[in-house]
Amino acid sequence: MIEFAEDRPKWEQIAEVIRQRITDGTYPPRTRVPSVQQIVEETGVAVDTAQKALRALRDEGWTYTVRGMGSFVTTEPPAAGPRNA
C-alpha cells in the first residue's frame, strides 16, 4: 500500500509509483498496468482519483489504452525527467 504524503494530490503520487514501476522494469513494455479497480483496492482512493492517475500516465506517453482491455506500457516511454502533471 502506498503511504500518501499530505502535500501532493494522491493521483500524482499513484502516477509516480506506476511510472517508477515502468522505469524499473516491474511493468515492461506492452504489459498491462493495474486497472482502476486494482488501484482503488490497493490504495483505498476513489475511482475518480485512480482514473486521473491513469489518464495522466496516458497523456504523458507512459501508457496507452485499449478499449475493453485496459492500459498498457508503451514500447517507448517518454524521456526521463521531472514530471509535473
N, C-alpha and C. Protein backbone atom coordinates (compact mmCIF):
# COMPACT_ATOMS: atom_id res chain seq x y z
N MET A 1 0.84 -1.19 0.00
CA MET A 1 0.00 0.00 0.00
C MET A 1 0.88 1.24 0.00
N ILE A 2 0.43 2.22 -0.72
CA ILE A 2 1.16 3.48 -0.81
C ILE A 2 0.88 4.32 0.43
N GLU A 3 1.92 4.87 1.00
CA GLU A 3 1.75 5.83 2.08
C GLU A 3 1.77 7.22 1.45
N PHE A 4 0.63 7.87 1.47
CA PHE A 4 0.49 9.14 0.79
C PHE A 4 1.04 10.29 1.61
N ALA A 5 1.77 11.17 0.92
CA ALA A 5 2.21 12.43 1.52
C ALA A 5 1.02 13.39 1.48
N GLU A 6 0.91 14.23 2.46
CA GLU A 6 -0.22 15.15 2.55
C GLU A 6 -0.07 16.37 1.63
N ASP A 7 1.15 16.64 1.17
CA ASP A 7 1.41 17.87 0.43
C ASP A 7 1.21 17.76 -1.08
N ARG A 8 0.81 16.57 -1.58
CA ARG A 8 0.62 16.39 -3.03
C ARG A 8 -0.66 15.59 -3.27
N PRO A 9 -1.31 15.85 -4.39
CA PRO A 9 -2.52 15.09 -4.69
C PRO A 9 -2.22 13.59 -4.79
N LYS A 10 -3.15 12.79 -4.33
CA LYS A 10 -2.96 11.34 -4.35
C LYS A 10 -2.80 10.80 -5.76
N TRP A 11 -3.53 11.37 -6.74
CA TRP A 11 -3.40 10.86 -8.10
C TRP A 11 -1.99 11.05 -8.63
N GLU A 12 -1.33 12.16 -8.27
CA GLU A 12 0.06 12.38 -8.70
C GLU A 12 0.98 11.33 -8.09
N GLN A 13 0.75 11.01 -6.84
CA GLN A 13 1.60 10.03 -6.17
C GLN A 13 1.39 8.63 -6.73
N ILE A 14 0.15 8.28 -7.08
CA ILE A 14 -0.12 7.00 -7.70
C ILE A 14 0.55 6.92 -9.06
N ALA A 15 0.41 7.97 -9.85
CA ALA A 15 1.06 8.01 -11.17
C ALA A 15 2.58 7.88 -11.03
N GLU A 16 3.14 8.52 -10.02
CA GLU A 16 4.58 8.45 -9.78
C GLU A 16 5.02 7.01 -9.48
N VAL A 17 4.25 6.31 -8.67
CA VAL A 17 4.59 4.92 -8.33
C VAL A 17 4.54 4.05 -9.58
N ILE A 18 3.49 4.22 -10.39
CA ILE A 18 3.39 3.41 -11.61
C ILE A 18 4.51 3.76 -12.58
N ARG A 19 4.82 5.05 -12.71
CA ARG A 19 5.95 5.49 -13.55
C ARG A 19 7.25 4.81 -13.11
N GLN A 20 7.48 4.78 -11.80
CA GLN A 20 8.69 4.15 -11.27
C GLN A 20 8.70 2.66 -11.59
N ARG A 21 7.57 2.01 -11.47
CA ARG A 21 7.48 0.58 -11.78
C ARG A 21 7.73 0.32 -13.27
N ILE A 22 7.32 1.25 -14.12
CA ILE A 22 7.63 1.12 -15.55
C ILE A 22 9.13 1.29 -15.76
N THR A 23 9.70 2.31 -15.14
CA THR A 23 11.12 2.61 -15.30
C THR A 23 12.00 1.48 -14.79
N ASP A 24 11.63 0.87 -13.65
CA ASP A 24 12.48 -0.18 -13.09
C ASP A 24 12.20 -1.57 -13.68
N GLY A 25 11.26 -1.65 -14.62
CA GLY A 25 11.01 -2.91 -15.30
C GLY A 25 9.96 -3.80 -14.66
N THR A 26 9.38 -3.36 -13.56
CA THR A 26 8.30 -4.13 -12.95
C THR A 26 7.16 -4.30 -13.95
N TYR A 27 6.88 -3.24 -14.70
CA TYR A 27 5.89 -3.28 -15.78
C TYR A 27 6.63 -3.05 -17.09
N PRO A 28 7.05 -4.12 -17.77
CA PRO A 28 7.77 -3.96 -19.04
C PRO A 28 6.85 -3.48 -20.17
N PRO A 29 7.43 -3.05 -21.29
CA PRO A 29 6.62 -2.61 -22.43
C PRO A 29 5.58 -3.66 -22.82
N ARG A 30 4.44 -3.14 -23.22
CA ARG A 30 3.29 -3.93 -23.70
C ARG A 30 2.59 -4.74 -22.61
N THR A 31 2.97 -4.58 -21.34
CA THR A 31 2.25 -5.27 -20.27
C THR A 31 1.21 -4.34 -19.68
N ARG A 32 0.20 -4.93 -19.11
CA ARG A 32 -0.89 -4.15 -18.54
C ARG A 32 -0.46 -3.58 -17.19
N VAL A 33 -0.86 -2.34 -16.97
CA VAL A 33 -0.67 -1.72 -15.66
C VAL A 33 -1.95 -1.97 -14.86
N PRO A 34 -1.92 -1.76 -13.57
CA PRO A 34 -3.12 -2.01 -12.77
C PRO A 34 -4.34 -1.25 -13.29
N SER A 35 -5.48 -1.89 -13.19
CA SER A 35 -6.74 -1.27 -13.60
C SER A 35 -7.18 -0.26 -12.55
N VAL A 36 -8.18 0.51 -12.90
CA VAL A 36 -8.76 1.46 -11.94
C VAL A 36 -9.18 0.71 -10.68
N GLN A 37 -9.87 -0.40 -10.87
CA GLN A 37 -10.36 -1.16 -9.71
C GLN A 37 -9.19 -1.69 -8.86
N GLN A 38 -8.13 -2.16 -9.51
CA GLN A 38 -6.97 -2.65 -8.75
C GLN A 38 -6.32 -1.52 -7.97
N ILE A 39 -6.23 -0.34 -8.57
CA ILE A 39 -5.64 0.81 -7.87
C ILE A 39 -6.51 1.18 -6.67
N VAL A 40 -7.82 1.19 -6.86
CA VAL A 40 -8.74 1.51 -5.77
C VAL A 40 -8.56 0.52 -4.63
N GLU A 41 -8.49 -0.77 -4.96
CA GLU A 41 -8.35 -1.79 -3.92
C GLU A 41 -6.99 -1.70 -3.22
N GLU A 42 -5.93 -1.41 -3.98
CA GLU A 42 -4.58 -1.35 -3.40
C GLU A 42 -4.38 -0.12 -2.54
N THR A 43 -4.99 1.01 -2.93
CA THR A 43 -4.68 2.27 -2.27
C THR A 43 -5.81 2.83 -1.42
N GLY A 44 -7.03 2.40 -1.69
CA GLY A 44 -8.17 2.93 -0.95
C GLY A 44 -8.66 4.28 -1.44
N VAL A 45 -8.20 4.72 -2.61
CA VAL A 45 -8.64 6.01 -3.15
C VAL A 45 -9.96 5.85 -3.88
N ALA A 46 -10.57 6.96 -4.24
CA ALA A 46 -11.80 6.96 -5.01
C ALA A 46 -11.52 6.59 -6.46
N VAL A 47 -12.54 6.11 -7.15
CA VAL A 47 -12.42 5.73 -8.55
C VAL A 47 -11.91 6.91 -9.38
N ASP A 48 -12.45 8.11 -9.15
CA ASP A 48 -12.02 9.29 -9.91
C ASP A 48 -10.54 9.56 -9.76
N THR A 49 -10.00 9.34 -8.57
CA THR A 49 -8.58 9.55 -8.31
C THR A 49 -7.74 8.57 -9.11
N ALA A 50 -8.14 7.31 -9.11
CA ALA A 50 -7.42 6.29 -9.88
C ALA A 50 -7.49 6.59 -11.37
N GLN A 51 -8.65 6.99 -11.84
CA GLN A 51 -8.80 7.33 -13.26
C GLN A 51 -7.90 8.50 -13.65
N LYS A 52 -7.81 9.48 -12.78
CA LYS A 52 -6.97 10.65 -13.06
C LYS A 52 -5.50 10.26 -13.15
N ALA A 53 -5.05 9.35 -12.29
CA ALA A 53 -3.66 8.89 -12.35
C ALA A 53 -3.39 8.17 -13.66
N LEU A 54 -4.29 7.28 -14.07
CA LEU A 54 -4.09 6.56 -15.33
C LEU A 54 -4.17 7.50 -16.53
N ARG A 55 -5.05 8.46 -16.48
CA ARG A 55 -5.17 9.44 -17.57
C ARG A 55 -3.89 10.26 -17.70
N ALA A 56 -3.31 10.64 -16.56
CA ALA A 56 -2.06 11.42 -16.60
C ALA A 56 -0.94 10.60 -17.24
N LEU A 57 -0.84 9.32 -16.89
CA LEU A 57 0.19 8.46 -17.48
C LEU A 57 0.00 8.33 -18.98
N ARG A 58 -1.25 8.20 -19.41
CA ARG A 58 -1.54 8.11 -20.84
C ARG A 58 -1.18 9.43 -21.53
N ASP A 59 -1.59 10.53 -20.95
CA ASP A 59 -1.33 11.84 -21.56
C ASP A 59 0.16 12.15 -21.65
N GLU A 60 0.94 11.64 -20.71
CA GLU A 60 2.39 11.85 -20.70
C GLU A 60 3.12 10.90 -21.64
N GLY A 61 2.43 9.88 -22.15
CA GLY A 61 3.05 8.94 -23.08
C GLY A 61 3.63 7.69 -22.44
N TRP A 62 3.33 7.44 -21.18
CA TRP A 62 3.84 6.25 -20.50
C TRP A 62 3.00 5.02 -20.81
N THR A 63 1.70 5.24 -21.05
CA THR A 63 0.80 4.12 -21.30
C THR A 63 -0.11 4.45 -22.47
N TYR A 64 -0.78 3.42 -22.97
CA TYR A 64 -1.83 3.59 -23.96
C TYR A 64 -2.99 2.70 -23.51
N THR A 65 -4.19 3.04 -23.96
CA THR A 65 -5.37 2.31 -23.53
C THR A 65 -5.98 1.56 -24.71
N VAL A 66 -6.35 0.31 -24.45
CA VAL A 66 -7.08 -0.49 -25.43
C VAL A 66 -8.48 -0.68 -24.85
N ARG A 67 -9.45 -0.16 -25.55
CA ARG A 67 -10.83 -0.19 -25.05
C ARG A 67 -11.24 -1.62 -24.72
N GLY A 68 -11.75 -1.81 -23.52
CA GLY A 68 -12.22 -3.11 -23.08
C GLY A 68 -11.12 -4.03 -22.58
N MET A 69 -9.86 -3.60 -22.69
CA MET A 69 -8.74 -4.45 -22.26
C MET A 69 -7.90 -3.82 -21.15
N GLY A 70 -7.82 -2.50 -21.11
CA GLY A 70 -7.05 -1.84 -20.07
C GLY A 70 -5.96 -0.94 -20.60
N SER A 71 -5.06 -0.56 -19.71
CA SER A 71 -3.93 0.33 -20.03
C SER A 71 -2.65 -0.49 -20.05
N PHE A 72 -1.81 -0.20 -21.04
CA PHE A 72 -0.58 -0.95 -21.25
C PHE A 72 0.61 0.00 -21.35
N VAL A 73 1.79 -0.50 -21.00
CA VAL A 73 3.02 0.28 -21.07
C VAL A 73 3.41 0.46 -22.54
N THR A 74 3.77 1.68 -22.90
CA THR A 74 4.22 1.94 -24.27
C THR A 74 5.56 1.27 -24.52
N THR A 75 5.88 1.06 -25.79
CA THR A 75 7.17 0.44 -26.12
C THR A 75 8.30 1.45 -25.99
N GLU A 76 7.99 2.72 -26.09
CA GLU A 76 8.99 3.78 -25.96
C GLU A 76 8.51 4.81 -24.94
N PRO A 77 8.77 4.58 -23.65
CA PRO A 77 8.34 5.57 -22.65
C PRO A 77 8.98 6.93 -22.93
N PRO A 78 8.37 8.00 -22.49
CA PRO A 78 8.93 9.32 -22.71
C PRO A 78 10.31 9.46 -22.08
N ALA A 79 11.05 10.42 -22.55
CA ALA A 79 12.39 10.67 -21.99
C ALA A 79 12.29 10.92 -20.50
N ALA A 80 13.25 10.41 -19.77
CA ALA A 80 13.27 10.56 -18.31
C ALA A 80 13.41 12.04 -17.96
N GLY A 81 12.83 12.39 -16.86
CA GLY A 81 12.91 13.77 -16.39
C GLY A 81 11.81 14.05 -15.42
N PRO A 82 11.86 15.22 -14.80
CA PRO A 82 10.83 15.54 -13.82
C PRO A 82 9.46 15.61 -14.47
N ARG A 83 8.46 15.21 -13.73
CA ARG A 83 7.08 15.22 -14.21
C ARG A 83 6.26 16.14 -13.34
N ASN A 84 5.63 17.09 -13.97
CA ASN A 84 4.71 17.97 -13.25
C ASN A 84 3.39 17.97 -13.98
N ALA A 85 2.57 16.98 -13.71
CA ALA A 85 1.29 16.85 -14.42
C ALA A 85 0.24 17.75 -13.83
